[in-house]
Amino acid sequence: MLRMKASNPRTALLFFVIFSSLYPWISTASSQCSENPPTLDPSYGKGSVMEDLGGLKVYVSGDPKSKHAIILVSDIYGYEAPNLRKIADKVAAFGFYVVVPDFFRGEPYVDNNPKRPLDVWLKEHPQQKGFEDSKSVIAVLKKKGISVIGAAGFCWGGKVVVDLAKTNMIKAIVALHPSLVTVDDIKDVKQPIAILGAEKDEITPPTLVKQFQEILSKKHEIDSFVKIFSGVAHGFSVRYKADDKFAVKKAEEAQKDMLHWFLKHIN
């Protein structure tokens, strides 16, 4: 991992140039990462917060005695986002035990923070760390007697769940407008996967989603579903305004597709 102290403006500029060359979408599409930011609410939801599950704080919803669990991996705004918890409660209503970990350990991305812009925040919270942390969460769930686990990831979390789909730790995943997922990642997927993309996504554009679809269509050993939602941008399924009827309709359509995927495979 690149390590550099931005001790003066020149060093900071050099760091940004190097980081942008590694992750080019940062400079061209970072606004989509932070569009329609949520107002975080630690008390929101029908569920509750557990202080420690696999080393992380988690929001949980649903019957803890269920044998079927779903892990939701957030976008950069973390596990206190009301829309995300609302999704968790919806999924839990169908008999799943839903777990939403705080992968950022109390440090979600904060807009307009000059000391921690998006490129710096991402360096401090790499998706690989989220993948490693998810292993501990899965291990605890299995120890509790949960037999089948699925996962859904939004934006930042999309890459985490795709990495999980390369293993035998879970049974199915849904990646909703994922970030930093590559063609090689999709080639290595071993579990049923649904990818829900957005027509106006500049981070994972439709051209790339179609490449994912082409690869998956040749992997006859696993079930797959790929869909591109028209008229919406990156983050649409979880960062929408409640008074925008079109946005709500599209988000609910994606959430319905996600739920159907889990009902099909997590049983």
C-alpha atoms as a PDB file:
ATOM      1  CA  MET A   1       0.000   0.000   0.000  1.00  0.00           C
ATOM      2  CA  LEU A   2       1.223   3.482  -0.851  1.00  0.00           C
ATOM      3  CA  ARG A   3       2.298   5.466   2.236  1.00  0.00           C
ATOM      4  CA  MET A   4       3.096   9.134   1.982  1.00  0.00           C
ATOM      5  CA  LYS A   5       2.896  12.003   4.451  1.00  0.00           C
ATOM      6  CA  ALA A   6       1.392  15.133   2.944  1.00  0.00           C
ATOM      7  CA  SER A   7       3.563  17.497   4.990  1.00  0.00           C
ATOM      8  CA  ASN A   8       3.458  20.383   2.496  1.00  0.00           C
ATOM      9  CA  PRO A   9       1.331  21.466  -0.499  1.00  0.00           C
ATOM     10  CA  ARG A  10       3.737  20.035  -3.067  1.00  0.00           C
ATOM     11  CA  THR A  11       3.754  16.644  -1.383  1.00  0.00           C
ATOM     12  CA  ALA A  12      -0.038  16.713  -1.081  1.00  0.00           C
ATOM     13  CA  LEU A  13      -0.365  17.499  -4.781  1.00  0.00           C
ATOM     14  CA  LEU A  14       2.044  14.708  -5.702  1.00  0.00           C
ATOM     15  CA  PHE A  15       0.082  12.269  -3.543  1.00  0.00           C
ATOM     16  CA  PHE A  16      -3.178  13.225  -5.249  1.00  0.00           C
ATOM     17  CA  VAL A  17      -1.663  12.795  -8.726  1.00  0.00           C
ATOM     18  CA  ILE A  18      -0.295   9.337  -7.841  1.00  0.00           C
ATOM     19  CA  PHE A  19      -3.521   8.232  -6.138  1.00  0.00           C
ATOM     20  CA  SER A  20      -5.618   9.498  -9.042  1.00  0.00           C
ATOM     21  CA  SER A  21      -3.486   7.534 -11.482  1.00  0.00           C
ATOM     22  CA  LEU A  22      -4.190   4.389  -9.473  1.00  0.00           C
ATOM     23  CA  TYR A  23      -7.903   5.155  -9.087  1.00  0.00           C
ATOM     24  CA  PRO A  24      -8.741   7.483 -12.004  1.00  0.00           C
ATOM     25  CA  TRP A  25     -12.440   7.697 -11.169  1.00  0.00           C
ATOM     26  CA  ILE A  26     -11.554   9.687  -8.018  1.00  0.00           C
ATOM     27  CA  SER A  27     -10.831  12.842 -10.010  1.00  0.00           C
ATOM     28  CA  THR A  28     -13.614  12.440 -12.588  1.00  0.00           C
ATOM     29  CA  ALA A  29     -16.516  10.964 -10.676  1.00  0.00           C
ATOM     30  CA  SER A  30     -15.931  11.531  -6.974  1.00  0.00           C
ATOM     31  CA  SER A  31     -18.976  13.784  -6.848  1.00  0.00           C
ATOM     32  CA  GLN A  32     -21.151  10.728  -7.509  1.00  0.00           C
ATOM     33  CA  CYS A  33     -19.656   8.997  -4.475  1.00  0.00           C
ATOM     34  CA  SER A  34     -20.955  11.764  -2.242  1.00  0.00           C
ATOM     35  CA  GLU A  35     -24.144  12.773  -4.037  1.00  0.00           C
ATOM     36  CA  ASN A  36     -27.230  13.026  -1.803  1.00  0.00           C
ATOM     37  CA  PRO A  37     -25.352  12.298   1.435  1.00  0.00           C
ATOM     38  CA  PRO A  38     -27.522  10.908   4.234  1.00  0.00           C
ATOM     39  CA  THR A  39     -28.095  12.498   7.597  1.00  0.00           C
ATOM     40  CA  LEU A  40     -26.719   9.797   9.858  1.00  0.00           C
ATOM     41  CA  ASP A  41     -28.910   8.632  12.724  1.00  0.00           C
ATOM     42  CA  PRO A  42     -27.502   6.077  15.192  1.00  0.00           C
ATOM     43  CA  SER A  43     -30.972   5.439  16.665  1.00  0.00           C
ATOM     44  CA  TYR A  44     -32.800   4.864  13.378  1.00  0.00           C
ATOM     45  CA  GLY A  45     -34.462   1.545  12.534  1.00  0.00           C
ATOM     46  CA  LYS A  46     -36.645  -1.213  13.943  1.00  0.00           C
ATOM     47  CA  GLY A  47     -33.600  -3.241  14.942  1.00  0.00           C
ATOM     48  CA  SER A  48     -30.852  -2.589  17.465  1.00  0.00           C
ATOM     49  CA  VAL A  49     -27.119  -1.988  17.701  1.00  0.00           C
ATOM     50  CA  MET A  50     -24.800  -4.660  19.056  1.00  0.00           C
ATOM     51  CA  GLU A  51     -21.528  -3.388  20.457  1.00  0.00           C
ATOM     52  CA  ASP A  52     -19.454  -6.336  19.257  1.00  0.00           C
ATOM     53  CA  LEU A  53     -20.051  -8.946  16.595  1.00  0.00           C
ATOM     54  CA  GLY A  54     -16.831 -10.222  15.122  1.00  0.00           C
ATOM     55  CA  GLY A  55     -14.971  -7.212  16.489  1.00  0.00           C
ATOM     56  CA  LEU A  56     -17.306  -4.629  14.974  1.00  0.00           C
ATOM     57  CA  LYS A  57     -20.325  -2.643  16.049  1.00  0.00           C
ATOM     58  CA  VAL A  58     -23.327  -3.813  14.019  1.00  0.00           C
ATOM     59  CA  TYR A  59     -26.929  -2.865  13.387  1.00  0.00           C
ATOM     60  CA  VAL A  60     -29.029  -6.028  13.479  1.00  0.00           C
ATOM     61  CA  SER A  61     -32.627  -6.582  12.420  1.00  0.00           C
ATOM     62  CA  GLY A  62     -34.795  -9.674  12.324  1.00  0.00           C
ATOM     63  CA  ASP A  63     -34.994 -12.956  14.205  1.00  0.00           C
ATOM     64  CA  PRO A  64     -31.619 -13.889  15.736  1.00  0.00           C
ATOM     65  CA  LYS A  65     -32.783 -17.519  15.745  1.00  0.00           C
ATOM     66  CA  SER A  66     -33.068 -17.563  11.962  1.00  0.00           C
ATOM     67  CA  LYS A  67     -30.734 -19.938  10.143  1.00  0.00           C
ATOM     68  CA  HIS A  68     -30.469 -17.514   7.217  1.00  0.00           C
ATOM     69  CA  ALA A  69     -28.482 -14.291   7.458  1.00  0.00           C
ATOM     70  CA  ILE A  70     -27.791 -11.363   5.154  1.00  0.00           C
ATOM     71  CA  ILE A  71     -24.836  -9.012   5.604  1.00  0.00           C
ATOM     72  CA  LEU A  72     -25.282  -5.509   4.177  1.00  0.00           C
ATOM     73  CA  VAL A  73     -22.050  -3.678   3.381  1.00  0.00           C
ATOM     74  CA  SER A  74     -22.531   0.077   3.266  1.00  0.00           C
ATOM     75  CA  ASP A  75     -21.320   2.806   0.996  1.00  0.00           C
ATOM     76  CA  ILE A  76     -18.810   5.361   2.291  1.00  0.00           C
ATOM     77  CA  TYR A  77     -21.366   6.869   4.693  1.00  0.00           C
ATOM     78  CA  GLY A  78     -21.515   3.799   6.876  1.00  0.00           C
ATOM     79  CA  TYR A  79     -23.999   1.811   8.884  1.00  0.00           C
ATOM     80  CA  GLU A  80     -25.936   4.689  10.468  1.00  0.00           C
ATOM     81  CA  ALA A  81     -27.521   5.813   7.178  1.00  0.00           C
ATOM     82  CA  PRO A  82     -31.329   5.669   7.602  1.00  0.00           C
ATOM     83  CA  ASN A  83     -32.044   4.389   4.086  1.00  0.00           C
ATOM     84  CA  LEU A  84     -29.592   1.532   4.596  1.00  0.00           C
ATOM     85  CA  ARG A  85     -31.200   0.550   7.879  1.00  0.00           C
ATOM     86  CA  LYS A  86     -34.611   0.794   6.255  1.00  0.00           C
ATOM     87  CA  ILE A  87     -33.415  -1.719   3.647  1.00  0.00           C
ATOM     88  CA  ALA A  88     -32.128  -3.979   6.436  1.00  0.00           C
ATOM     89  CA  ASP A  89     -35.531  -3.906   8.127  1.00  0.00           C
ATOM     90  CA  LYS A  90     -37.282  -4.722   4.829  1.00  0.00           C
ATOM     91  CA  VAL A  91     -35.068  -7.738   4.225  1.00  0.00           C
ATOM     92  CA  ALA A  92     -35.466  -8.880   7.840  1.00  0.00           C
ATOM     93  CA  ALA A  93     -39.255  -8.887   7.421  1.00  0.00           C
ATOM     94  CA  PHE A  94     -38.853 -11.891   5.102  1.00  0.00           C
ATOM     95  CA  GLY A  95     -37.287 -14.069   7.778  1.00  0.00           C
ATOM     96  CA  PHE A  96     -33.622 -13.165   7.423  1.00  0.00           C
ATOM     97  CA  TYR A  97     -31.347 -12.109  10.262  1.00  0.00           C
ATOM     98  CA  VAL A  98     -29.761  -8.973   8.821  1.00  0.00           C
ATOM     99  CA  VAL A  99     -26.409  -7.622   9.977  1.00  0.00           C
ATOM    100  CA  VAL A 100     -25.042  -4.203   8.987  1.00  0.00           C
ATOM    101  CA  PRO A 101     -21.465  -3.851  10.306  1.00  0.00           C
ATOM    102  CA  ASP A 102     -19.677  -0.609  11.052  1.00  0.00           C
ATOM    103  CA  PHE A 103     -16.698  -1.382   8.843  1.00  0.00           C
ATOM    104  CA  PHE A 104     -15.373   2.155   9.336  1.00  0.00           C
ATOM    105  CA  ARG A 105     -15.230   1.906  13.140  1.00  0.00           C
ATOM    106  CA  GLY A 106     -17.033   5.157  13.750  1.00  0.00           C
ATOM    107  CA  GLU A 107     -15.269   7.049  10.953  1.00  0.00           C
ATOM    108  CA  PRO A 108     -17.585   7.195   7.919  1.00  0.00           C
ATOM    109  CA  TYR A 109     -16.755   9.640   5.165  1.00  0.00           C
ATOM    110  CA  VAL A 110     -17.587  13.251   6.059  1.00  0.00           C
ATOM    111  CA  ASP A 111     -18.249  15.737   3.279  1.00  0.00           C
ATOM    112  CA  ASN A 112     -16.193  18.912   2.950  1.00  0.00           C
ATOM    113  CA  ASN A 113     -13.509  17.859   5.403  1.00  0.00           C
ATOM    114  CA  PRO A 114     -10.277  19.422   4.076  1.00  0.00           C
ATOM    115  CA  LYS A 115      -8.162  17.202   6.332  1.00  0.00           C
ATOM    116  CA  ARG A 116      -9.725  14.022   4.990  1.00  0.00           C
ATOM    117  CA  PRO A 117     -10.893  14.353   1.370  1.00  0.00           C
ATOM    118  CA  LEU A 118     -12.240  11.291  -0.360  1.00  0.00           C
ATOM    119  CA  ASP A 119      -8.903  10.068  -1.702  1.00  0.00           C
ATOM    120  CA  VAL A 120      -7.350  10.210   1.781  1.00  0.00           C
ATOM    121  CA  TRP A 121     -10.390   8.590   3.397  1.00  0.00           C
ATOM    122  CA  LEU A 122     -10.302   5.712   0.907  1.00  0.00           C
ATOM    123  CA  LYS A 123      -6.625   5.149   1.613  1.00  0.00           C
ATOM    124  CA  GLU A 124      -7.487   4.849   5.315  1.00  0.00           C
ATOM    125  CA  HIS A 125     -10.487   2.592   4.661  1.00  0.00           C
ATOM    126  CA  PRO A 126      -9.544   0.221   1.831  1.00  0.00           C
ATOM    127  CA  GLN A 127     -12.102  -2.299   0.640  1.00  0.00           C
ATOM    128  CA  GLN A 128      -9.610  -5.098   1.301  1.00  0.00           C
ATOM    129  CA  LYS A 129      -9.872  -4.283   5.008  1.00  0.00           C
ATOM    130  CA  GLY A 130     -13.652  -4.536   4.739  1.00  0.00           C
ATOM    131  CA  PHE A 131     -13.264  -7.957   3.155  1.00  0.00           C
ATOM    132  CA  GLU A 132     -10.960  -9.126   5.943  1.00  0.00           C
ATOM    133  CA  ASP A 133     -13.265  -7.779   8.654  1.00  0.00           C
ATOM    134  CA  SER A 134     -16.257  -9.488   7.060  1.00  0.00           C
ATOM    135  CA  LYS A 135     -14.574 -12.861   7.611  1.00  0.00           C
ATOM    136  CA  SER A 136     -14.778 -12.371  11.372  1.00  0.00           C
ATOM    137  CA  VAL A 137     -18.444 -11.388  11.168  1.00  0.00           C
ATOM    138  CA  ILE A 138     -19.240 -14.469   9.081  1.00  0.00           C
ATOM    139  CA  ALA A 139     -17.335 -16.727  11.481  1.00  0.00           C
ATOM    140  CA  VAL A 140     -19.353 -15.461  14.454  1.00  0.00           C
ATOM    141  CA  LEU A 141     -22.655 -15.865  12.592  1.00  0.00           C
ATOM    142  CA  LYS A 142     -21.801 -19.450  11.708  1.00  0.00           C
ATOM    143  CA  LYS A 143     -20.763 -20.136  15.284  1.00  0.00           C
ATOM    144  CA  LYS A 144     -24.215 -18.928  16.354  1.00  0.00           C
ATOM    145  CA  GLY A 145     -25.756 -21.658  14.186  1.00  0.00           C
ATOM    146  CA  ILE A 146     -26.596 -19.691  11.057  1.00  0.00           C
ATOM    147  CA  SER A 147     -26.247 -22.112   8.165  1.00  0.00           C
ATOM    148  CA  VAL A 148     -26.677 -19.949   5.054  1.00  0.00           C
ATOM    149  CA  ILE A 149     -25.321 -16.427   4.550  1.00  0.00           C
ATOM    150  CA  GLY A 150     -25.718 -13.933   1.727  1.00  0.00           C
ATOM    151  CA  ALA A 151     -24.349 -10.423   1.308  1.00  0.00           C
ATOM    152  CA  ALA A 152     -25.241  -7.221  -0.497  1.00  0.00           C
ATOM    153  CA  GLY A 153     -22.882  -4.314  -1.021  1.00  0.00           C
ATOM    154  CA  PHE A 154     -23.594  -0.733  -2.005  1.00  0.00           C
ATOM    155  CA  CYS A 155     -20.966   1.358  -3.820  1.00  0.00           C
ATOM    156  CA  TRP A 156     -17.849   0.882  -1.602  1.00  0.00           C
ATOM    157  CA  GLY A 157     -19.420  -2.305  -0.272  1.00  0.00           C
ATOM    158  CA  GLY A 158     -19.960  -3.713  -3.757  1.00  0.00           C
ATOM    159  CA  LYS A 159     -16.297  -4.600  -4.103  1.00  0.00           C
ATOM    160  CA  VAL A 160     -16.299  -6.213  -0.650  1.00  0.00           C
ATOM    161  CA  VAL A 161     -19.152  -8.581  -1.481  1.00  0.00           C
ATOM    162  CA  VAL A 162     -17.717  -9.428  -4.901  1.00  0.00           C
ATOM    163  CA  ASP A 163     -14.531 -10.485  -3.123  1.00  0.00           C
ATOM    164  CA  LEU A 164     -16.645 -12.610  -0.774  1.00  0.00           C
ATOM    165  CA  ALA A 165     -18.227 -14.256  -3.823  1.00  0.00           C
ATOM    166  CA  LYS A 166     -14.788 -15.556  -4.773  1.00  0.00           C
ATOM    167  CA  THR A 167     -14.859 -17.733  -1.643  1.00  0.00           C
ATOM    168  CA  ASN A 168     -17.060 -20.422  -0.134  1.00  0.00           C
ATOM    169  CA  MET A 169     -17.918 -18.331   2.925  1.00  0.00           C
ATOM    170  CA  ILE A 170     -21.269 -17.170   1.548  1.00  0.00           C
ATOM    171  CA  LYS A 171     -23.928 -18.539  -0.796  1.00  0.00           C
ATOM    172  CA  ALA A 172     -24.930 -15.537  -2.917  1.00  0.00           C
ATOM    173  CA  ILE A 173     -24.290 -11.813  -3.297  1.00  0.00           C
ATOM    174  CA  VAL A 174     -25.824  -8.677  -4.765  1.00  0.00           C
ATOM    175  CA  ALA A 175     -23.569  -5.802  -5.854  1.00  0.00           C
ATOM    176  CA  LEU A 176     -25.503  -2.555  -6.192  1.00  0.00           C
ATOM    177  CA  HIS A 177     -23.724   0.127  -8.258  1.00  0.00           C
ATOM    178  CA  PRO A 178     -20.344  -1.194  -7.027  1.00  0.00           C
ATOM    179  CA  SER A 179     -17.079   0.749  -6.966  1.00  0.00           C
ATOM    180  CA  LEU A 180     -13.661  -0.523  -8.079  1.00  0.00           C
ATOM    181  CA  VAL A 181     -14.885  -3.923  -9.258  1.00  0.00           C
ATOM    182  CA  THR A 182     -12.829  -5.161 -12.195  1.00  0.00           C
ATOM    183  CA  VAL A 183     -13.277  -7.651 -14.999  1.00  0.00           C
ATOM    184  CA  ASP A 184     -10.737  -9.908 -13.287  1.00  0.00           C
ATOM    185  CA  ASP A 185     -12.815  -9.810 -10.109  1.00  0.00           C
ATOM    186  CA  ILE A 186     -15.858 -11.075 -11.986  1.00  0.00           C
ATOM    187  CA  LYS A 187     -13.826 -13.833 -13.632  1.00  0.00           C
ATOM    188  CA  ASP A 188     -13.000 -15.192 -10.164  1.00  0.00           C
ATOM    189  CA  VAL A 189     -16.574 -15.229  -8.808  1.00  0.00           C
ATOM    190  CA  LYS A 190     -17.696 -18.672  -7.559  1.00  0.00           C
ATOM    191  CA  GLN A 191     -21.121 -17.924  -6.059  1.00  0.00           C
ATOM    192  CA  PRO A 192     -24.455 -16.730  -7.492  1.00  0.00           C
ATOM    193  CA  ILE A 193     -24.178 -13.022  -8.180  1.00  0.00           C
ATOM    194  CA  ALA A 194     -26.569 -10.223  -9.100  1.00  0.00           C
ATOM    195  CA  ILE A 195     -25.195  -6.905 -10.328  1.00  0.00           C
ATOM    196  CA  LEU A 196     -27.521  -3.902 -10.330  1.00  0.00           C
ATOM    197  CA  GLY A 197     -25.963  -1.029 -12.238  1.00  0.00           C
ATOM    198  CA  ALA A 198     -27.016   2.493 -13.181  1.00  0.00           C
ATOM    199  CA  GLU A 199     -27.291   4.098 -16.607  1.00  0.00           C
ATOM    200  CA  LYS A 200     -25.584   7.301 -15.457  1.00  0.00           C
ATOM    201  CA  ASP A 201     -22.934   5.702 -13.264  1.00  0.00           C
ATOM    202  CA  GLU A 202     -19.529   7.244 -14.018  1.00  0.00           C
ATOM    203  CA  ILE A 203     -17.671   4.955 -11.608  1.00  0.00           C
ATOM    204  CA  THR A 204     -18.944   1.620 -12.913  1.00  0.00           C
ATOM    205  CA  PRO A 205     -20.493   2.677 -16.222  1.00  0.00           C
ATOM    206  CA  PRO A 206     -22.898   0.537 -18.265  1.00  0.00           C
ATOM    207  CA  THR A 207     -20.111  -0.423 -20.675  1.00  0.00           C
ATOM    208  CA  LEU A 208     -18.241  -2.078 -17.814  1.00  0.00           C
ATOM    209  CA  VAL A 209     -21.400  -3.680 -16.390  1.00  0.00           C
ATOM    210  CA  LYS A 210     -22.050  -5.199 -19.813  1.00  0.00           C
ATOM    211  CA  GLN A 211     -18.545  -6.674 -19.754  1.00  0.00           C
ATOM    212  CA  PHE A 212     -19.386  -8.216 -16.399  1.00  0.00           C
ATOM    213  CA  GLN A 213     -22.565  -9.642 -17.923  1.00  0.00           C
ATOM    214  CA  GLU A 214     -20.687 -11.142 -20.858  1.00  0.00           C
ATOM    215  CA  ILE A 215     -18.218 -12.879 -18.549  1.00  0.00           C
ATOM    216  CA  LEU A 216     -20.958 -14.199 -16.283  1.00  0.00           C
ATOM    217  CA  SER A 217     -22.982 -15.497 -19.217  1.00  0.00           C
ATOM    218  CA  LYS A 218     -20.123 -17.911 -19.940  1.00  0.00           C
ATOM    219  CA  LYS A 219     -19.862 -19.101 -16.317  1.00  0.00           C
ATOM    220  CA  HIS A 220     -22.579 -21.738 -16.611  1.00  0.00           C
ATOM    221  CA  GLU A 221     -21.726 -23.215 -13.229  1.00  0.00           C
ATOM    222  CA  ILE A 222     -23.115 -20.197 -11.333  1.00  0.00           C
ATOM    223  CA  ASP A 223     -26.403 -18.332 -11.489  1.00  0.00           C
ATOM    224  CA  SER A 224     -26.171 -14.649 -12.372  1.00  0.00           C
ATOM    225  CA  PHE A 225     -28.407 -11.658 -12.961  1.00  0.00           C
ATOM    226  CA  VAL A 226     -27.328  -8.309 -14.390  1.00  0.00           C
ATOM    227  CA  LYS A 227     -29.521  -5.255 -14.775  1.00  0.00           C
ATOM    228  CA  ILE A 228     -28.875  -1.615 -15.648  1.00  0.00           C
ATOM    229  CA  PHE A 229     -31.419   0.849 -14.272  1.00  0.00           C
ATOM    230  CA  SER A 230     -32.318   3.703 -16.610  1.00  0.00           C
ATOM    231  CA  GLY A 231     -32.303   7.343 -15.605  1.00  0.00           C
ATOM    232  CA  VAL A 232     -30.317   6.946 -12.390  1.00  0.00           C
ATOM    233  CA  ALA A 233     -26.728   7.404 -11.241  1.00  0.00           C
ATOM    234  CA  HIS A 234     -24.245   5.797  -8.875  1.00  0.00           C
ATOM    235  CA  GLY A 235     -25.691   5.324  -5.383  1.00  0.00           C
ATOM    236  CA  PHE A 236     -29.321   5.363  -6.530  1.00  0.00           C
ATOM    237  CA  SER A 237     -30.548   2.376  -4.496  1.00  0.00           C
ATOM    238  CA  VAL A 238     -29.481   3.692  -1.100  1.00  0.00           C
ATOM    239  CA  ARG A 239     -28.942   7.464  -1.431  1.00  0.00           C
ATOM    240  CA  TYR A 240     -32.220   8.837  -2.678  1.00  0.00           C
ATOM    241  CA  LYS A 241     -34.480  11.638  -1.490  1.00  0.00           C
ATOM    242  CA  ALA A 242     -37.823  10.540  -0.074  1.00  0.00           C
ATOM    243  CA  ASP A 243     -39.642  13.353  -1.897  1.00  0.00           C
ATOM    244  CA  ASP A 244     -38.271  12.338  -5.320  1.00  0.00           C
ATOM    245  CA  LYS A 245     -40.886   9.889  -6.606  1.00  0.00           C
ATOM    246  CA  PHE A 246     -38.799   8.702  -9.556  1.00  0.00           C
ATOM    247  CA  ALA A 247     -35.737   8.090  -7.372  1.00  0.00           C
ATOM    248  CA  VAL A 248     -37.796   6.235  -4.779  1.00  0.00           C
ATOM    249  CA  LYS A 249     -39.410   4.064  -7.475  1.00  0.00           C
ATOM    250  CA  LYS A 250     -36.040   3.067  -8.923  1.00  0.00           C
ATOM    251  CA  ALA A 251     -34.521   2.413  -5.507  1.00  0.00           C
ATOM    252  CA  GLU A 252     -37.442   0.228  -4.475  1.00  0.00           C
ATOM    253  CA  GLU A 253     -37.217  -1.680  -7.761  1.00  0.00           C
ATOM    254  CA  ALA A 254     -33.542  -2.440  -7.095  1.00  0.00           C
ATOM    255  CA  GLN A 255     -34.275  -3.418  -3.500  1.00  0.00           C
ATOM    256  CA  LYS A 256     -37.030  -5.748  -4.733  1.00  0.00           C
ATOM    257  CA  ASP A 257     -34.605  -7.395  -7.172  1.00  0.00           C
ATOM    258  CA  MET A 258     -32.092  -7.823  -4.354  1.00  0.00           C
ATOM    259  CA  LEU A 259     -34.689  -9.405  -2.105  1.00  0.00           C
ATOM    260  CA  HIS A 260     -35.841 -11.810  -4.824  1.00  0.00           C
ATOM    261  CA  TRP A 261     -32.228 -12.902  -5.348  1.00  0.00           C
ATOM    262  CA  PHE A 262     -31.844 -13.716  -1.684  1.00  0.00           C
ATOM    263  CA  LEU A 263     -35.168 -15.505  -1.489  1.00  0.00           C
ATOM    264  CA  LYS A 264     -34.012 -17.633  -4.428  1.00  0.00           C
ATOM    265  CA  HIS A 265     -30.552 -18.506  -3.109  1.00  0.00           C
ATOM    266  CA  ILE A 266     -30.471 -18.054   0.671  1.00  0.00           C
ATOM    267  CA  ASN A 267     -32.770 -20.865   1.754  1.00  0.00           C
END
